[in-house]
Amino acid sequence: MEVYFIRHTTPEVAKCICYGQSDLDVTESFEAECNQLKQQLPEKFDAVYSSPLKRCTILAQQLTSQVITDDRLKEMNFGDWEMKKWDEIPKEPLDHWMEHFVTAKTPNGESMEGLDVRVIEWWGSIKKDRLKIAVVTHAGVIRIMHAHLNNIPLNKAFENFKIGYGEIWRYDAE
């Protein structure tokens, strides 16, 4: 099975904003980003999964008319920090979260462990008999899957693995 984990294209949001599960639209560069992305992908997939957030479904619908959306593919929930500038988040709770990001929840949000549980639950629920699948989702979800599939501890999930807007991480499952 070939799995193409695709990060959404550039979202319509100012820089330095914590946006997690906020339902953002795509930018005016979407068409160009999408065309460039599609050149790197197979023409057809056996299934296309997507986060239900607009910035993902708009892209997924460019790959197929039969998108399977799943809430478990949403980005991490940053709770009270959603749509705030990172430098406006109180220093003490932000520092605590940064030091303990795997286990610490954001206020009224979730931890990386929480994200991990729901993403791995999704992975266990999909049909593994499909030959080629696309998963249009978010950087946090892709990092979780990269760590899980490569036996990397969650606290190392950010090391040596970057996934930009409109980028693909391909995984060949046996």
C-alpha atoms as a PDB file:
ATOM      1  CA  MET A   1       0.000   0.000   0.000  1.00  0.00           C
ATOM      2  CA  GLU A   2       1.219   3.462  -0.914  1.00  0.00           C
ATOM      3  CA  VAL A   3       0.075   6.268   1.378  1.00  0.00           C
ATOM      4  CA  TYR A   4       0.469   9.887   0.346  1.00  0.00           C
ATOM      5  CA  PHE A   5       0.170  12.134   3.388  1.00  0.00           C
ATOM      6  CA  ILE A   6      -0.491  15.612   2.000  1.00  0.00           C
ATOM      7  CA  ARG A   7      -0.377  18.777   4.050  1.00  0.00           C
ATOM      8  CA  HIS A   8      -2.970  21.370   3.068  1.00  0.00           C
ATOM      9  CA  THR A   9      -1.903  24.358   1.007  1.00  0.00           C
ATOM     10  CA  THR A  10      -1.298  27.813   2.488  1.00  0.00           C
ATOM     11  CA  PRO A  11      -4.196  28.833   4.748  1.00  0.00           C
ATOM     12  CA  GLU A  12      -5.770  32.282   4.814  1.00  0.00           C
ATOM     13  CA  VAL A  13      -4.307  33.481   8.117  1.00  0.00           C
ATOM     14  CA  ALA A  14      -1.758  36.048   9.241  1.00  0.00           C
ATOM     15  CA  LYS A  15       1.714  34.829  10.170  1.00  0.00           C
ATOM     16  CA  CYS A  16       2.462  33.972  13.802  1.00  0.00           C
ATOM     17  CA  ILE A  17      -1.139  32.979  14.588  1.00  0.00           C
ATOM     18  CA  CYS A  18      -1.935  29.790  16.482  1.00  0.00           C
ATOM     19  CA  TYR A  19      -4.762  28.335  14.398  1.00  0.00           C
ATOM     20  CA  GLY A  20      -4.919  24.545  14.993  1.00  0.00           C
ATOM     21  CA  GLN A  21      -8.536  23.481  14.430  1.00  0.00           C
ATOM     22  CA  SER A  22      -9.813  26.879  13.302  1.00  0.00           C
ATOM     23  CA  ASP A  23     -11.622  26.366   9.992  1.00  0.00           C
ATOM     24  CA  LEU A  24      -9.575  28.553   7.662  1.00  0.00           C
ATOM     25  CA  ASP A  25     -10.028  29.061   3.954  1.00  0.00           C
ATOM     26  CA  VAL A  26      -7.252  28.703   1.353  1.00  0.00           C
ATOM     27  CA  THR A  27      -5.367  31.672  -0.124  1.00  0.00           C
ATOM     28  CA  GLU A  28      -5.510  33.049  -3.645  1.00  0.00           C
ATOM     29  CA  SER A  29      -2.382  30.993  -4.421  1.00  0.00           C
ATOM     30  CA  PHE A  30      -4.402  27.779  -3.959  1.00  0.00           C
ATOM     31  CA  GLU A  31      -4.802  26.971  -7.653  1.00  0.00           C
ATOM     32  CA  ALA A  32      -1.070  27.290  -8.378  1.00  0.00           C
ATOM     33  CA  GLU A  33      -0.150  25.328  -5.231  1.00  0.00           C
ATOM     34  CA  CYS A  34      -2.700  22.639  -6.083  1.00  0.00           C
ATOM     35  CA  ASN A  35      -1.461  22.281  -9.676  1.00  0.00           C
ATOM     36  CA  GLN A  36       2.136  21.926  -8.501  1.00  0.00           C
ATOM     37  CA  LEU A  37       1.088  19.360  -5.909  1.00  0.00           C
ATOM     38  CA  LYS A  38      -0.968  17.279  -8.346  1.00  0.00           C
ATOM     39  CA  GLN A  39       2.081  16.907 -10.603  1.00  0.00           C
ATOM     40  CA  GLN A  40       3.748  14.932  -7.790  1.00  0.00           C
ATOM     41  CA  LEU A  41       0.817  12.579  -7.202  1.00  0.00           C
ATOM     42  CA  PRO A  42      -0.643   9.564  -8.996  1.00  0.00           C
ATOM     43  CA  GLU A  43      -3.645  10.336 -11.202  1.00  0.00           C
ATOM     44  CA  LYS A  44      -5.947   8.064  -9.256  1.00  0.00           C
ATOM     45  CA  PHE A  45      -6.325   6.859  -5.670  1.00  0.00           C
ATOM     46  CA  ASP A  46      -8.265   3.952  -4.234  1.00  0.00           C
ATOM     47  CA  ALA A  47      -9.364   6.238  -1.405  1.00  0.00           C
ATOM     48  CA  VAL A  48      -8.875   9.863  -0.393  1.00  0.00           C
ATOM     49  CA  TYR A  49      -9.196  10.691   3.304  1.00  0.00           C
ATOM     50  CA  SER A  50      -9.340  14.237   4.604  1.00  0.00           C
ATOM     51  CA  SER A  51      -9.627  16.345   7.675  1.00  0.00           C
ATOM     52  CA  PRO A  52     -13.069  18.002   7.560  1.00  0.00           C
ATOM     53  CA  LEU A  53     -11.495  21.455   7.865  1.00  0.00           C
ATOM     54  CA  LYS A  54     -11.994  23.579   4.750  1.00  0.00           C
ATOM     55  CA  ARG A  55      -8.298  24.037   3.995  1.00  0.00           C
ATOM     56  CA  CYS A  56      -8.053  20.249   3.577  1.00  0.00           C
ATOM     57  CA  THR A  57     -11.384  19.342   1.955  1.00  0.00           C
ATOM     58  CA  ILE A  58     -10.965  21.936  -0.795  1.00  0.00           C
ATOM     59  CA  LEU A  59      -7.686  20.257  -1.749  1.00  0.00           C
ATOM     60  CA  ALA A  60      -9.013  16.704  -1.328  1.00  0.00           C
ATOM     61  CA  GLN A  61     -11.915  17.480  -3.680  1.00  0.00           C
ATOM     62  CA  GLN A  62      -9.357  18.303  -6.359  1.00  0.00           C
ATOM     63  CA  LEU A  63      -8.137  14.681  -6.128  1.00  0.00           C
ATOM     64  CA  THR A  64     -11.514  12.901  -6.162  1.00  0.00           C
ATOM     65  CA  SER A  65     -15.231  13.544  -5.854  1.00  0.00           C
ATOM     66  CA  GLN A  66     -15.510  10.867  -3.144  1.00  0.00           C
ATOM     67  CA  VAL A  67     -13.634  12.269  -0.173  1.00  0.00           C
ATOM     68  CA  ILE A  68     -13.857  10.416   3.143  1.00  0.00           C
ATOM     69  CA  THR A  69     -13.687  13.038   5.895  1.00  0.00           C
ATOM     70  CA  ASP A  70     -12.791  12.118   9.451  1.00  0.00           C
ATOM     71  CA  ASP A  71     -12.625  14.369  12.526  1.00  0.00           C
ATOM     72  CA  ARG A  72      -9.656  12.338  13.787  1.00  0.00           C
ATOM     73  CA  LEU A  73      -7.572  13.884  10.997  1.00  0.00           C
ATOM     74  CA  LYS A  74      -8.008  17.437  12.328  1.00  0.00           C
ATOM     75  CA  GLU A  75      -4.996  19.373  13.556  1.00  0.00           C
ATOM     76  CA  MET A  76      -4.275  19.585  17.263  1.00  0.00           C
ATOM     77  CA  ASN A  77      -6.877  21.507  19.228  1.00  0.00           C
ATOM     78  CA  PHE A  78      -5.180  24.533  20.768  1.00  0.00           C
ATOM     79  CA  GLY A  79      -8.293  25.472  22.782  1.00  0.00           C
ATOM     80  CA  ASP A  80      -8.129  29.005  24.204  1.00  0.00           C
ATOM     81  CA  TRP A  81      -5.036  29.755  22.125  1.00  0.00           C
ATOM     82  CA  GLU A  82      -6.810  29.319  18.776  1.00  0.00           C
ATOM     83  CA  MET A  83      -6.497  32.417  16.567  1.00  0.00           C
ATOM     84  CA  LYS A  84      -4.233  34.241  19.019  1.00  0.00           C
ATOM     85  CA  LYS A  85      -0.800  35.538  18.121  1.00  0.00           C
ATOM     86  CA  TRP A  86       1.849  33.268  19.605  1.00  0.00           C
ATOM     87  CA  ASP A  87       3.504  36.267  21.283  1.00  0.00           C
ATOM     88  CA  GLU A  88       0.196  37.237  22.938  1.00  0.00           C
ATOM     89  CA  ILE A  89      -0.189  33.892  24.692  1.00  0.00           C
ATOM     90  CA  PRO A  90       0.814  34.254  28.360  1.00  0.00           C
ATOM     91  CA  LYS A  91       4.475  33.298  28.761  1.00  0.00           C
ATOM     92  CA  GLU A  92       4.165  30.961  31.750  1.00  0.00           C
ATOM     93  CA  PRO A  93       1.562  28.552  30.285  1.00  0.00           C
ATOM     94  CA  LEU A  94       3.217  28.711  26.864  1.00  0.00           C
ATOM     95  CA  ASP A  95       6.649  27.887  28.327  1.00  0.00           C
ATOM     96  CA  HIS A  96       5.157  25.010  30.327  1.00  0.00           C
ATOM     97  CA  TRP A  97       3.455  23.627  27.225  1.00  0.00           C
ATOM     98  CA  MET A  98       6.625  24.013  25.123  1.00  0.00           C
ATOM     99  CA  GLU A  99       8.653  22.076  27.727  1.00  0.00           C
ATOM    100  CA  HIS A 100       6.017  19.342  28.091  1.00  0.00           C
ATOM    101  CA  PHE A 101       4.255  19.467  24.703  1.00  0.00           C
ATOM    102  CA  VAL A 102       3.781  15.698  24.552  1.00  0.00           C
ATOM    103  CA  THR A 103       1.785  15.440  27.790  1.00  0.00           C
ATOM    104  CA  ALA A 104       0.638  19.000  28.551  1.00  0.00           C
ATOM    105  CA  LYS A 105      -2.718  20.139  27.195  1.00  0.00           C
ATOM    106  CA  THR A 106      -3.239  23.651  26.009  1.00  0.00           C
ATOM    107  CA  PRO A 107      -5.983  25.454  28.007  1.00  0.00           C
ATOM    108  CA  ASN A 108      -9.286  23.846  26.898  1.00  0.00           C
ATOM    109  CA  GLY A 109      -7.363  22.071  24.157  1.00  0.00           C
ATOM    110  CA  GLU A 110      -5.413  18.863  23.823  1.00  0.00           C
ATOM    111  CA  SER A 111      -1.916  17.483  24.205  1.00  0.00           C
ATOM    112  CA  MET A 112       0.203  15.781  21.591  1.00  0.00           C
ATOM    113  CA  GLU A 113      -0.661  12.493  23.324  1.00  0.00           C
ATOM    114  CA  GLY A 114      -4.341  13.261  22.718  1.00  0.00           C
ATOM    115  CA  LEU A 115      -3.645  13.980  19.075  1.00  0.00           C
ATOM    116  CA  ASP A 116      -1.645  10.763  18.870  1.00  0.00           C
ATOM    117  CA  VAL A 117      -4.492   8.664  20.303  1.00  0.00           C
ATOM    118  CA  ARG A 118      -7.060   9.878  17.791  1.00  0.00           C
ATOM    119  CA  VAL A 119      -4.723   9.736  14.771  1.00  0.00           C
ATOM    120  CA  ILE A 120      -3.549   6.198  15.571  1.00  0.00           C
ATOM    121  CA  GLU A 121      -7.178   5.189  16.151  1.00  0.00           C
ATOM    122  CA  TRP A 122      -7.971   6.500  12.645  1.00  0.00           C
ATOM    123  CA  TRP A 123      -4.996   4.598  11.177  1.00  0.00           C
ATOM    124  CA  GLY A 124      -6.241   1.381  12.760  1.00  0.00           C
ATOM    125  CA  SER A 125      -9.720   1.908  11.315  1.00  0.00           C
ATOM    126  CA  ILE A 126      -8.900   2.360   7.633  1.00  0.00           C
ATOM    127  CA  LYS A 127      -8.966  -0.444   5.119  1.00  0.00           C
ATOM    128  CA  LYS A 128      -5.410  -1.569   4.528  1.00  0.00           C
ATOM    129  CA  ASP A 129      -6.275  -3.515   1.353  1.00  0.00           C
ATOM    130  CA  ARG A 130      -6.305  -0.404  -0.800  1.00  0.00           C
ATOM    131  CA  LEU A 131      -3.272   0.045  -3.023  1.00  0.00           C
ATOM    132  CA  LYS A 132      -2.976   3.836  -3.128  1.00  0.00           C
ATOM    133  CA  ILE A 133      -4.475   6.258  -0.665  1.00  0.00           C
ATOM    134  CA  ALA A 134      -4.177   9.990  -0.151  1.00  0.00           C
ATOM    135  CA  VAL A 135      -4.573  11.622   3.246  1.00  0.00           C
ATOM    136  CA  VAL A 136      -5.094  15.387   3.112  1.00  0.00           C
ATOM    137  CA  THR A 137      -4.438  16.696   6.582  1.00  0.00           C
ATOM    138  CA  HIS A 138      -2.256  18.882   8.812  1.00  0.00           C
ATOM    139  CA  ALA A 139       1.391  19.010   9.887  1.00  0.00           C
ATOM    140  CA  GLY A 140       0.638  17.698  13.395  1.00  0.00           C
ATOM    141  CA  VAL A 141      -1.194  14.650  12.055  1.00  0.00           C
ATOM    142  CA  ILE A 142       1.553  13.919   9.534  1.00  0.00           C
ATOM    143  CA  ARG A 143       4.228  14.219  12.239  1.00  0.00           C
ATOM    144  CA  ILE A 144       2.263  11.772  14.419  1.00  0.00           C
ATOM    145  CA  MET A 145       2.061   9.274  11.555  1.00  0.00           C
ATOM    146  CA  HIS A 146       5.740   9.744  10.656  1.00  0.00           C
ATOM    147  CA  ALA A 147       6.721   9.103  14.274  1.00  0.00           C
ATOM    148  CA  HIS A 148       4.364   6.125  14.628  1.00  0.00           C
ATOM    149  CA  LEU A 149       5.354   4.418  11.379  1.00  0.00           C
ATOM    150  CA  ASN A 150       9.075   4.945  12.006  1.00  0.00           C
ATOM    151  CA  ASN A 151       9.055   4.067  15.729  1.00  0.00           C
ATOM    152  CA  ILE A 152      10.102   7.573  16.755  1.00  0.00           C
ATOM    153  CA  PRO A 153       9.113   8.764  20.247  1.00  0.00           C
ATOM    154  CA  LEU A 154       6.617  11.637  20.223  1.00  0.00           C
ATOM    155  CA  ASN A 155       9.087  13.983  21.899  1.00  0.00           C
ATOM    156  CA  LYS A 156      11.349  13.553  18.839  1.00  0.00           C
ATOM    157  CA  ALA A 157       8.573  13.966  16.228  1.00  0.00           C
ATOM    158  CA  PHE A 158       9.737  17.483  15.281  1.00  0.00           C
ATOM    159  CA  GLU A 159      13.406  16.577  14.881  1.00  0.00           C
ATOM    160  CA  ASN A 160      14.677  16.210  11.327  1.00  0.00           C
ATOM    161  CA  PHE A 161      11.158  16.143   9.855  1.00  0.00           C
ATOM    162  CA  LYS A 162       9.534  19.181   8.322  1.00  0.00           C
ATOM    163  CA  ILE A 163       6.396  19.226   6.196  1.00  0.00           C
ATOM    164  CA  GLY A 164       5.501  22.545   4.566  1.00  0.00           C
ATOM    165  CA  TYR A 165       2.234  23.703   3.067  1.00  0.00           C
ATOM    166  CA  GLY A 166       1.309  21.620   0.043  1.00  0.00           C
ATOM    167  CA  GLU A 167       4.067  19.073   0.676  1.00  0.00           C
ATOM    168  CA  ILE A 168       3.797  15.302   0.543  1.00  0.00           C
ATOM    169  CA  TRP A 169       5.238  12.569   2.722  1.00  0.00           C
ATOM    170  CA  ARG A 170       4.947   9.193   1.046  1.00  0.00           C
ATOM    171  CA  TYR A 171       4.877   5.992   3.060  1.00  0.00           C
ATOM    172  CA  ASP A 172       5.067   2.523   1.522  1.00  0.00           C
ATOM    173  CA  ALA A 173       3.314   0.032   3.794  1.00  0.00           C
ATOM    174  CA  GLU A 174       3.904  -3.666   3.413  1.00  0.00           C
END
